[in-house]
Amino acid sequence: MSQIKIACLPGDGVGPEVYHSVKALLQAVNHKFSRAIELTEYLIGGAAIDACGQPLPAETLQACKNADAVFLGAVGGPRWDDPSLAVRPEQGLLQLRKSLEVYANIRPLTAYSSLLDASPLKQNIIENVDFVIVRELTGGLYFGRKTRTSDYATDECRYSVDEIQRIAHVACETAMQRKRVLTSVDKANVLETSRLWREVVSAYVEQNFPEIKLNHQLVDSCAMKLISSPREFDVILTENMFGDILSDEASVLSGSMGLLASASIGERHALFEPIHGSAPDIAGQGVVNPIAAILSAAMMLRWLKLFDEADSIEKAVRATIDARILTPDLNSNQRYLTQDVTRAVIERL
């Protein structure tokens, strides 16, 4: 039985709360499947700033590079929003993504049949919705050169052919495992980076994955169709900022951001985290939904080729949801706490 080392970054806000859910879950996985998954905690974000003055300590980064995978809770919060601060918690996460070269962010979205009433959209719109957003994660506006004067500010958006090809490859591999339908999102009617994006994606799919049906869609049109006709999508490929916005928008389809997991994958490293962020408005109250973090852990186990373990977790989550054991974001009539939902998933494991 080989040991699996996970670098765990609880972070800020509700991050430590959902991490404790994942910790309990993985301990149960160790017991049930006779695994040796070892979890070691490190500082990141605001907690790291408070402790040592920087959002990504060298010890944390080295541990993440040495680990088999990384699990992150969340970073950020109002305590560190002062613009006079030299460093911000989010800088630690961006630096970590860049240092690990995890360029492909994968965000699956499923509308659970027993939660159709939790979405603000009509049930006939969200029934059977099941798609994956593949977002480029280490390029674009978030990592471009930035300038600031008293009169103006600039954010540079840059993409290279290589960056586009490698994220297109991930999206195509994902599409080949599903319905072989890929929607590439851009703003090619306005942006030069989007024109390059569209040209490169078209050529790459034609040359390497001719079996895939490729559609191009402008980001504003995609944003509209995600709400009006989400079943049209299977795999969505997008650049960094567009993917950030669209995936948060898509969370309303499932009923809560507390259900959505994510994986950030590179050639050697992988980082897994719920998409809901630090949620400072509910931090410390014990009501955060742990499902997104638990499903992120399932994605992590699948990436580690522990397929039976990942399948078991996902089945346990679905059974828990079907039993209506839900935190207040999904069921305001019953106040199940984070620990209640976590316990229910572990029992069903």
Protein backbone atom coordinates (compact mmCIF):
# COMPACT_ATOMS: atom_id res chain seq x y z
CA MET A 1 0.00 0.00 0.00
CA SER A 2 1.83 3.11 -1.23
CA GLN A 3 1.47 6.40 0.62
CA ILE A 4 -0.26 9.32 -1.10
CA LYS A 5 0.81 12.77 0.08
CA ILE A 6 -1.72 15.61 -0.14
CA ALA A 7 -0.67 19.20 0.60
CA CYS A 8 -3.70 20.82 2.25
CA LEU A 9 -4.22 24.58 2.26
CA PRO A 10 -7.27 25.42 4.43
CA GLY A 11 -6.85 29.17 3.82
CA ASP A 12 -9.41 31.77 4.87
CA GLY A 13 -13.12 32.25 5.57
CA VAL A 14 -15.02 29.00 5.15
CA GLY A 15 -11.90 27.33 3.75
CA PRO A 16 -10.90 25.64 7.04
CA GLU A 17 -14.49 24.47 7.57
CA VAL A 18 -14.79 22.68 4.24
CA TYR A 19 -11.26 21.36 4.58
CA HIS A 20 -12.21 19.64 7.84
CA SER A 21 -15.08 17.97 5.95
CA VAL A 22 -12.63 16.72 3.31
CA LYS A 23 -10.21 15.59 6.01
CA ALA A 24 -12.92 13.51 7.69
CA LEU A 25 -14.01 12.11 4.34
CA LEU A 26 -10.50 11.05 3.31
CA GLN A 27 -9.94 9.42 6.68
CA ALA A 28 -13.07 7.38 5.96
CA VAL A 29 -11.71 6.53 2.51
CA ASN A 30 -8.47 5.33 4.11
CA HIS A 31 -10.45 3.04 6.38
CA LYS A 32 -12.89 1.70 3.79
CA PHE A 33 -10.38 1.13 0.97
CA SER A 34 -7.24 0.43 3.05
CA ARG A 35 -5.47 3.46 1.62
CA ALA A 36 -2.64 5.54 3.06
CA ILE A 37 -3.65 9.09 2.12
CA GLU A 38 -1.58 11.48 4.25
CA LEU A 39 -2.80 15.07 4.73
CA THR A 40 -0.43 17.85 5.80
CA GLU A 41 -1.63 21.42 6.34
CA TYR A 42 0.14 24.58 5.16
CA LEU A 43 -0.58 28.31 5.17
CA ILE A 44 -1.86 30.34 2.22
CA GLY A 45 -3.76 33.58 1.62
CA GLY A 46 -4.77 35.91 4.43
CA ALA A 47 -3.85 33.38 7.10
CA ALA A 48 -0.32 33.29 5.68
CA ILE A 49 -0.14 37.10 5.51
CA ASP A 50 -1.09 37.30 9.19
CA ALA A 51 1.45 34.65 10.14
CA CYS A 52 4.47 35.60 8.04
CA GLY A 53 3.62 38.62 5.89
CA GLN A 54 3.27 36.87 2.53
CA PRO A 55 0.33 35.07 0.90
CA LEU A 56 2.35 32.09 -0.36
CA PRO A 57 5.23 31.15 1.96
CA ALA A 58 8.17 29.32 0.40
CA GLU A 59 7.47 26.29 2.62
CA THR A 60 3.93 26.04 1.27
CA LEU A 61 5.00 26.28 -2.35
CA GLN A 62 7.72 23.66 -1.94
CA ALA A 63 5.32 21.32 -0.17
CA CYS A 64 2.81 21.69 -3.00
CA LYS A 65 5.49 20.88 -5.56
CA ASN A 66 6.53 17.77 -3.61
CA ALA A 67 2.99 16.49 -2.99
CA ASP A 68 1.02 14.06 -5.13
CA ALA A 69 -1.84 16.58 -5.21
CA VAL A 70 -2.97 19.81 -3.54
CA PHE A 71 -6.31 20.56 -1.87
CA LEU A 72 -7.26 24.20 -1.27
CA GLY A 73 -10.12 25.53 0.85
CA ALA A 74 -10.40 29.23 -0.07
CA VAL A 75 -8.48 32.49 0.15
CA GLY A 76 -9.41 36.11 0.83
CA GLY A 77 -11.81 38.14 2.91
CA PRO A 78 -12.63 41.69 4.02
CA ARG A 79 -9.82 41.71 6.59
CA TRP A 80 -7.31 41.95 3.77
CA ASP A 81 -9.24 44.19 1.35
CA ASP A 82 -7.43 47.38 2.37
CA PRO A 83 -5.95 48.80 -0.89
CA SER A 84 -2.98 50.14 1.07
CA LEU A 85 -1.79 46.60 1.78
CA ALA A 86 1.29 45.63 -0.20
CA VAL A 87 0.07 42.06 -0.68
CA ARG A 88 -3.36 40.47 -1.03
CA PRO A 89 -4.47 36.89 -0.29
CA GLU A 90 -5.47 36.27 -3.91
CA GLN A 91 -1.90 36.92 -5.03
CA GLY A 92 -0.91 33.75 -3.23
CA LEU A 93 -3.39 31.67 -5.21
CA LEU A 94 -2.39 33.21 -8.54
CA GLN A 95 1.28 32.64 -7.73
CA LEU A 96 0.57 29.05 -6.76
CA ARG A 97 -1.28 28.33 -10.01
CA LYS A 98 1.52 29.87 -12.03
CA SER A 99 4.29 28.11 -10.12
CA LEU A 100 2.61 24.71 -10.41
CA GLU A 101 1.79 25.43 -14.08
CA VAL A 102 -1.77 24.20 -13.60
CA TYR A 103 -3.07 25.77 -16.77
CA ALA A 104 -6.34 23.83 -17.20
CA ASN A 105 -9.24 24.51 -14.85
CA ILE A 106 -12.02 21.92 -15.14
CA ARG A 107 -15.44 22.72 -13.67
CA PRO A 108 -18.22 20.16 -14.14
CA LEU A 109 -21.84 21.16 -13.58
CA THR A 110 -24.71 18.77 -13.03
CA ALA A 111 -28.30 19.69 -12.25
CA TYR A 112 -29.37 17.08 -9.70
CA SER A 113 -32.93 15.90 -10.33
CA SER A 114 -33.83 16.14 -6.64
CA LEU A 115 -32.63 19.77 -6.50
CA LEU A 116 -34.44 21.23 -9.49
CA ASP A 117 -36.55 23.30 -7.09
CA ALA A 118 -33.40 24.93 -5.66
CA SER A 119 -32.56 26.75 -8.89
CA PRO A 120 -34.19 30.12 -9.64
CA LEU A 121 -34.75 28.92 -13.21
CA LYS A 122 -37.72 26.90 -14.44
CA GLN A 123 -37.36 23.16 -14.06
CA ASN A 124 -37.96 22.48 -17.75
CA ILE A 125 -34.87 24.59 -18.52
CA ILE A 126 -32.46 22.89 -16.14
CA GLU A 127 -33.61 19.27 -16.32
CA ASN A 128 -30.79 16.98 -17.50
CA VAL A 129 -28.23 19.79 -17.63
CA ASP A 130 -24.74 18.26 -17.55
CA PHE A 131 -21.70 20.04 -18.97
CA VAL A 132 -18.06 20.82 -18.22
CA ILE A 133 -16.28 24.17 -18.45
CA VAL A 134 -12.59 23.94 -19.39
CA ARG A 135 -10.97 27.28 -18.53
CA GLU A 136 -7.44 28.40 -19.36
CA LEU A 137 -5.98 29.35 -15.98
CA THR A 138 -2.48 30.84 -16.22
CA GLY A 139 -2.75 33.39 -19.03
CA GLY A 140 -4.86 36.32 -20.13
CA LEU A 141 -5.74 39.48 -18.22
CA TYR A 142 -5.09 38.05 -14.78
CA PHE A 143 -1.42 37.48 -15.54
CA GLY A 144 -0.67 40.25 -18.05
CA ARG A 145 1.40 43.35 -17.40
CA LYS A 146 -0.41 45.91 -15.28
CA THR A 147 0.09 49.68 -15.02
CA ARG A 148 -1.49 52.30 -12.80
CA THR A 149 -1.19 56.09 -12.63
CA SER A 150 -3.40 58.74 -11.06
CA ASP A 151 -5.24 59.11 -14.39
CA TYR A 152 -5.53 55.60 -15.82
CA ALA A 153 -4.85 51.90 -15.38
CA THR A 154 -4.15 49.09 -17.85
CA ASP A 155 -4.33 45.30 -17.79
CA GLU A 156 -2.64 43.51 -20.66
CA CYS A 157 -4.25 40.40 -22.14
CA ARG A 158 -1.77 38.08 -23.85
CA TYR A 159 -2.13 34.60 -25.30
CA SER A 160 0.35 32.54 -27.29
CA VAL A 161 -0.38 29.79 -29.81
CA ASP A 162 1.15 27.21 -27.46
CA GLU A 163 -1.04 28.30 -24.54
CA ILE A 164 -4.18 28.01 -26.65
CA GLN A 165 -3.21 24.65 -28.14
CA ARG A 166 -2.52 23.00 -24.81
CA ILE A 167 -5.87 24.07 -23.27
CA ALA A 168 -7.64 23.09 -26.49
CA HIS A 169 -6.10 19.64 -26.13
CA VAL A 170 -7.54 19.25 -22.62
CA ALA A 171 -10.97 20.36 -23.82
CA CYS A 172 -10.84 17.94 -26.76
CA GLU A 173 -9.80 15.02 -24.56
CA THR A 174 -12.71 15.87 -22.27
CA ALA A 175 -15.12 16.08 -25.20
CA MET A 176 -13.95 12.71 -26.52
CA GLN A 177 -15.02 11.12 -23.22
CA ARG A 178 -18.47 12.70 -23.50
CA LYS A 179 -20.65 13.62 -26.51
CA ARG A 180 -17.82 14.89 -28.76
CA VAL A 181 -19.34 18.37 -28.90
CA LEU A 182 -17.15 21.36 -28.05
CA THR A 183 -18.15 25.02 -27.76
CA SER A 184 -15.24 27.45 -27.87
CA VAL A 185 -16.03 30.85 -26.34
CA ASP A 186 -14.36 34.11 -27.35
CA LYS A 187 -14.98 37.74 -28.31
CA ALA A 188 -13.53 37.51 -31.79
CA ASN A 189 -15.65 40.37 -33.12
CA VAL A 190 -13.69 42.80 -30.90
CA LEU A 191 -10.52 41.33 -29.37
CA GLU A 192 -7.35 40.38 -31.21
CA THR A 193 -6.52 37.71 -28.62
CA SER A 194 -9.93 36.16 -29.33
CA ARG A 195 -9.27 36.15 -33.07
CA LEU A 196 -6.06 34.25 -32.46
CA TRP A 197 -7.92 31.96 -30.03
CA ARG A 198 -10.57 31.11 -32.63
CA GLU A 199 -8.04 30.49 -35.40
CA VAL A 200 -5.82 28.25 -33.26
CA VAL A 201 -8.70 26.24 -31.76
CA SER A 202 -10.24 25.69 -35.22
CA ALA A 203 -6.97 24.43 -36.69
CA TYR A 204 -6.15 22.26 -33.68
CA VAL A 205 -9.50 20.50 -33.61
CA GLU A 206 -9.54 19.98 -37.39
CA GLN A 207 -6.04 18.51 -37.43
CA ASN A 208 -6.14 16.43 -34.25
CA PHE A 209 -9.76 15.70 -33.33
CA PRO A 210 -11.82 15.65 -36.54
CA GLU A 211 -14.48 13.53 -34.76
CA ILE A 212 -15.44 16.49 -32.57
CA LYS A 213 -18.17 18.90 -33.58
CA LEU A 214 -16.76 22.36 -32.88
CA ASN A 215 -18.93 25.43 -32.34
CA HIS A 216 -17.66 28.97 -31.83
CA GLN A 217 -19.70 31.33 -29.67
CA LEU A 218 -19.22 34.91 -28.53
CA VAL A 219 -19.00 35.24 -24.76
CA ASP A 220 -22.05 37.50 -24.44
CA SER A 221 -24.16 35.08 -26.44
CA CYS A 222 -22.83 32.19 -24.37
CA ALA A 223 -23.76 33.99 -21.15
CA MET A 224 -27.32 34.33 -22.41
CA LYS A 225 -27.62 30.72 -23.58
CA LEU A 226 -26.25 29.34 -20.33
CA ILE A 227 -29.44 30.63 -18.72
CA SER A 228 -31.94 30.24 -21.56
CA SER A 229 -30.88 26.88 -23.06
CA PRO A 230 -28.09 25.25 -20.99
CA ARG A 231 -28.74 21.75 -22.36
CA GLU A 232 -27.14 22.88 -25.64
CA PHE A 233 -23.72 22.67 -23.98
CA ASP A 234 -21.53 19.66 -23.29
CA VAL A 235 -17.92 20.91 -23.09
CA ILE A 236 -17.20 24.65 -23.02
CA LEU A 237 -13.67 25.90 -23.77
CA THR A 238 -12.79 29.42 -22.69
CA GLU A 239 -9.97 31.77 -21.80
CA ASN A 240 -9.22 32.78 -18.22
CA MET A 241 -11.48 35.74 -17.42
CA PHE A 242 -14.43 34.56 -19.51
CA GLY A 243 -14.26 31.17 -17.80
CA ASP A 244 -14.15 32.74 -14.36
CA ILE A 245 -17.33 34.71 -15.04
CA LEU A 246 -19.26 32.04 -16.97
CA SER A 247 -18.63 29.28 -14.43
CA ASP A 248 -19.90 31.46 -11.58
CA GLU A 249 -22.95 32.35 -13.66
CA ALA A 250 -23.57 28.68 -14.38
CA SER A 251 -23.68 27.90 -10.66
CA VAL A 252 -27.29 29.12 -10.50
CA LEU A 253 -28.30 26.17 -12.69
CA SER A 254 -27.41 23.71 -9.93
CA GLY A 255 -29.00 25.84 -7.23
CA SER A 256 -25.87 26.80 -5.28
CA MET A 257 -22.18 27.50 -5.72
CA GLY A 258 -21.79 25.16 -2.78
CA LEU A 259 -22.22 22.20 -5.14
CA LEU A 260 -19.52 23.00 -7.69
CA ALA A 261 -16.10 21.41 -7.61
CA SER A 262 -13.04 22.23 -9.67
CA ALA A 263 -9.69 20.78 -10.68
CA SER A 264 -6.70 22.75 -11.93
CA ILE A 265 -4.42 20.45 -13.91
CA GLY A 266 -0.95 20.79 -15.37
CA GLU A 267 1.64 18.45 -16.83
CA ARG A 268 2.99 17.44 -13.40
CA HIS A 269 0.84 19.01 -10.69
CA ALA A 270 -2.85 19.30 -9.82
CA LEU A 271 -4.79 21.58 -7.47
CA PHE A 272 -8.37 20.91 -6.33
CA GLU A 273 -10.77 23.40 -4.74
CA PRO A 274 -14.47 24.30 -4.43
CA ILE A 275 -15.39 27.30 -6.55
CA HIS A 276 -17.39 29.13 -3.87
CA GLY A 277 -14.51 31.13 -2.42
CA SER A 278 -14.09 32.20 1.20
CA ALA A 279 -17.74 33.31 1.75
CA PRO A 280 -16.89 35.62 4.67
CA ASP A 281 -20.58 36.38 5.31
CA ILE A 282 -21.14 32.84 6.64
CA ALA A 283 -17.64 31.93 7.85
CA GLY A 284 -17.57 30.47 11.34
CA GLN A 285 -21.31 29.74 11.46
CA GLY A 286 -21.02 26.06 10.57
CA VAL A 287 -23.50 26.31 7.70
CA VAL A 288 -21.24 26.30 4.62
CA ASN A 289 -22.11 23.61 2.09
CA PRO A 290 -19.29 21.02 2.09
CA ILE A 291 -20.47 19.24 -1.09
CA ALA A 292 -18.32 21.30 -3.48
CA ALA A 293 -15.21 20.54 -1.44
CA ILE A 294 -16.14 16.87 -1.13
CA LEU A 295 -16.69 16.58 -4.89
CA SER A 296 -13.37 18.36 -5.44
CA ALA A 297 -11.77 15.63 -3.32
CA ALA A 298 -13.47 13.04 -5.53
CA MET A 299 -11.95 14.73 -8.60
CA MET A 300 -8.59 14.61 -6.85
CA LEU A 301 -8.87 10.88 -6.19
CA ARG A 302 -9.86 10.25 -9.80
CA TRP A 303 -6.80 12.21 -10.97
CA LEU A 304 -4.73 9.98 -8.66
CA LYS A 305 -6.32 6.98 -10.46
CA LEU A 306 -8.32 5.94 -7.40
CA PHE A 307 -11.43 5.43 -9.50
CA ASP A 308 -13.44 3.23 -7.13
CA GLU A 309 -12.92 5.69 -4.29
CA ALA A 310 -13.99 8.65 -6.44
CA ASP A 311 -17.09 6.82 -7.69
CA SER A 312 -18.07 5.89 -4.15
CA ILE A 313 -17.83 9.48 -2.96
CA GLU A 314 -19.93 10.78 -5.84
CA LYS A 315 -22.60 8.12 -5.22
CA ALA A 316 -22.62 9.00 -1.51
CA VAL A 317 -23.07 12.69 -2.34
CA ARG A 318 -25.97 11.97 -4.67
CA ALA A 319 -27.62 9.76 -2.03
CA THR A 320 -27.21 12.50 0.57
CA ILE A 321 -28.75 15.08 -1.75
CA ASP A 322 -31.62 12.74 -2.62
CA ALA A 323 -32.27 12.30 1.11
CA ARG A 324 -32.61 16.12 1.33
CA ILE A 325 -29.85 16.44 3.92
CA LEU A 326 -28.90 19.93 2.77
CA THR A 327 -27.32 23.07 4.19
CA PRO A 328 -29.37 26.32 4.24
CA ASP A 329 -28.15 27.48 0.82
CA LEU A 330 -30.24 24.65 -0.65
CA ASN A 331 -32.92 24.13 1.96
CA SER A 332 -33.80 27.09 4.17
CA ASN A 333 -36.56 25.10 5.88
CA GLN A 334 -34.16 22.61 7.45
CA ARG A 335 -30.98 23.88 9.06
CA TYR A 336 -28.59 21.00 8.58
CA LEU A 337 -25.10 22.10 9.50
CA THR A 338 -21.87 21.50 7.61
CA GLN A 339 -20.98 18.66 9.95
CA ASP A 340 -24.41 17.04 9.45
CA VAL A 341 -24.02 16.90 5.68
CA THR A 342 -20.43 15.68 5.99
CA ARG A 343 -21.49 12.93 8.38
CA ALA A 344 -24.32 11.90 6.05
CA VAL A 345 -21.94 11.55 3.09
CA ILE A 346 -19.47 9.52 5.15
CA GLU A 347 -22.26 7.23 6.40
CA ARG A 348 -23.37 6.59 2.81
CA LEU A 349 -19.79 5.95 1.73
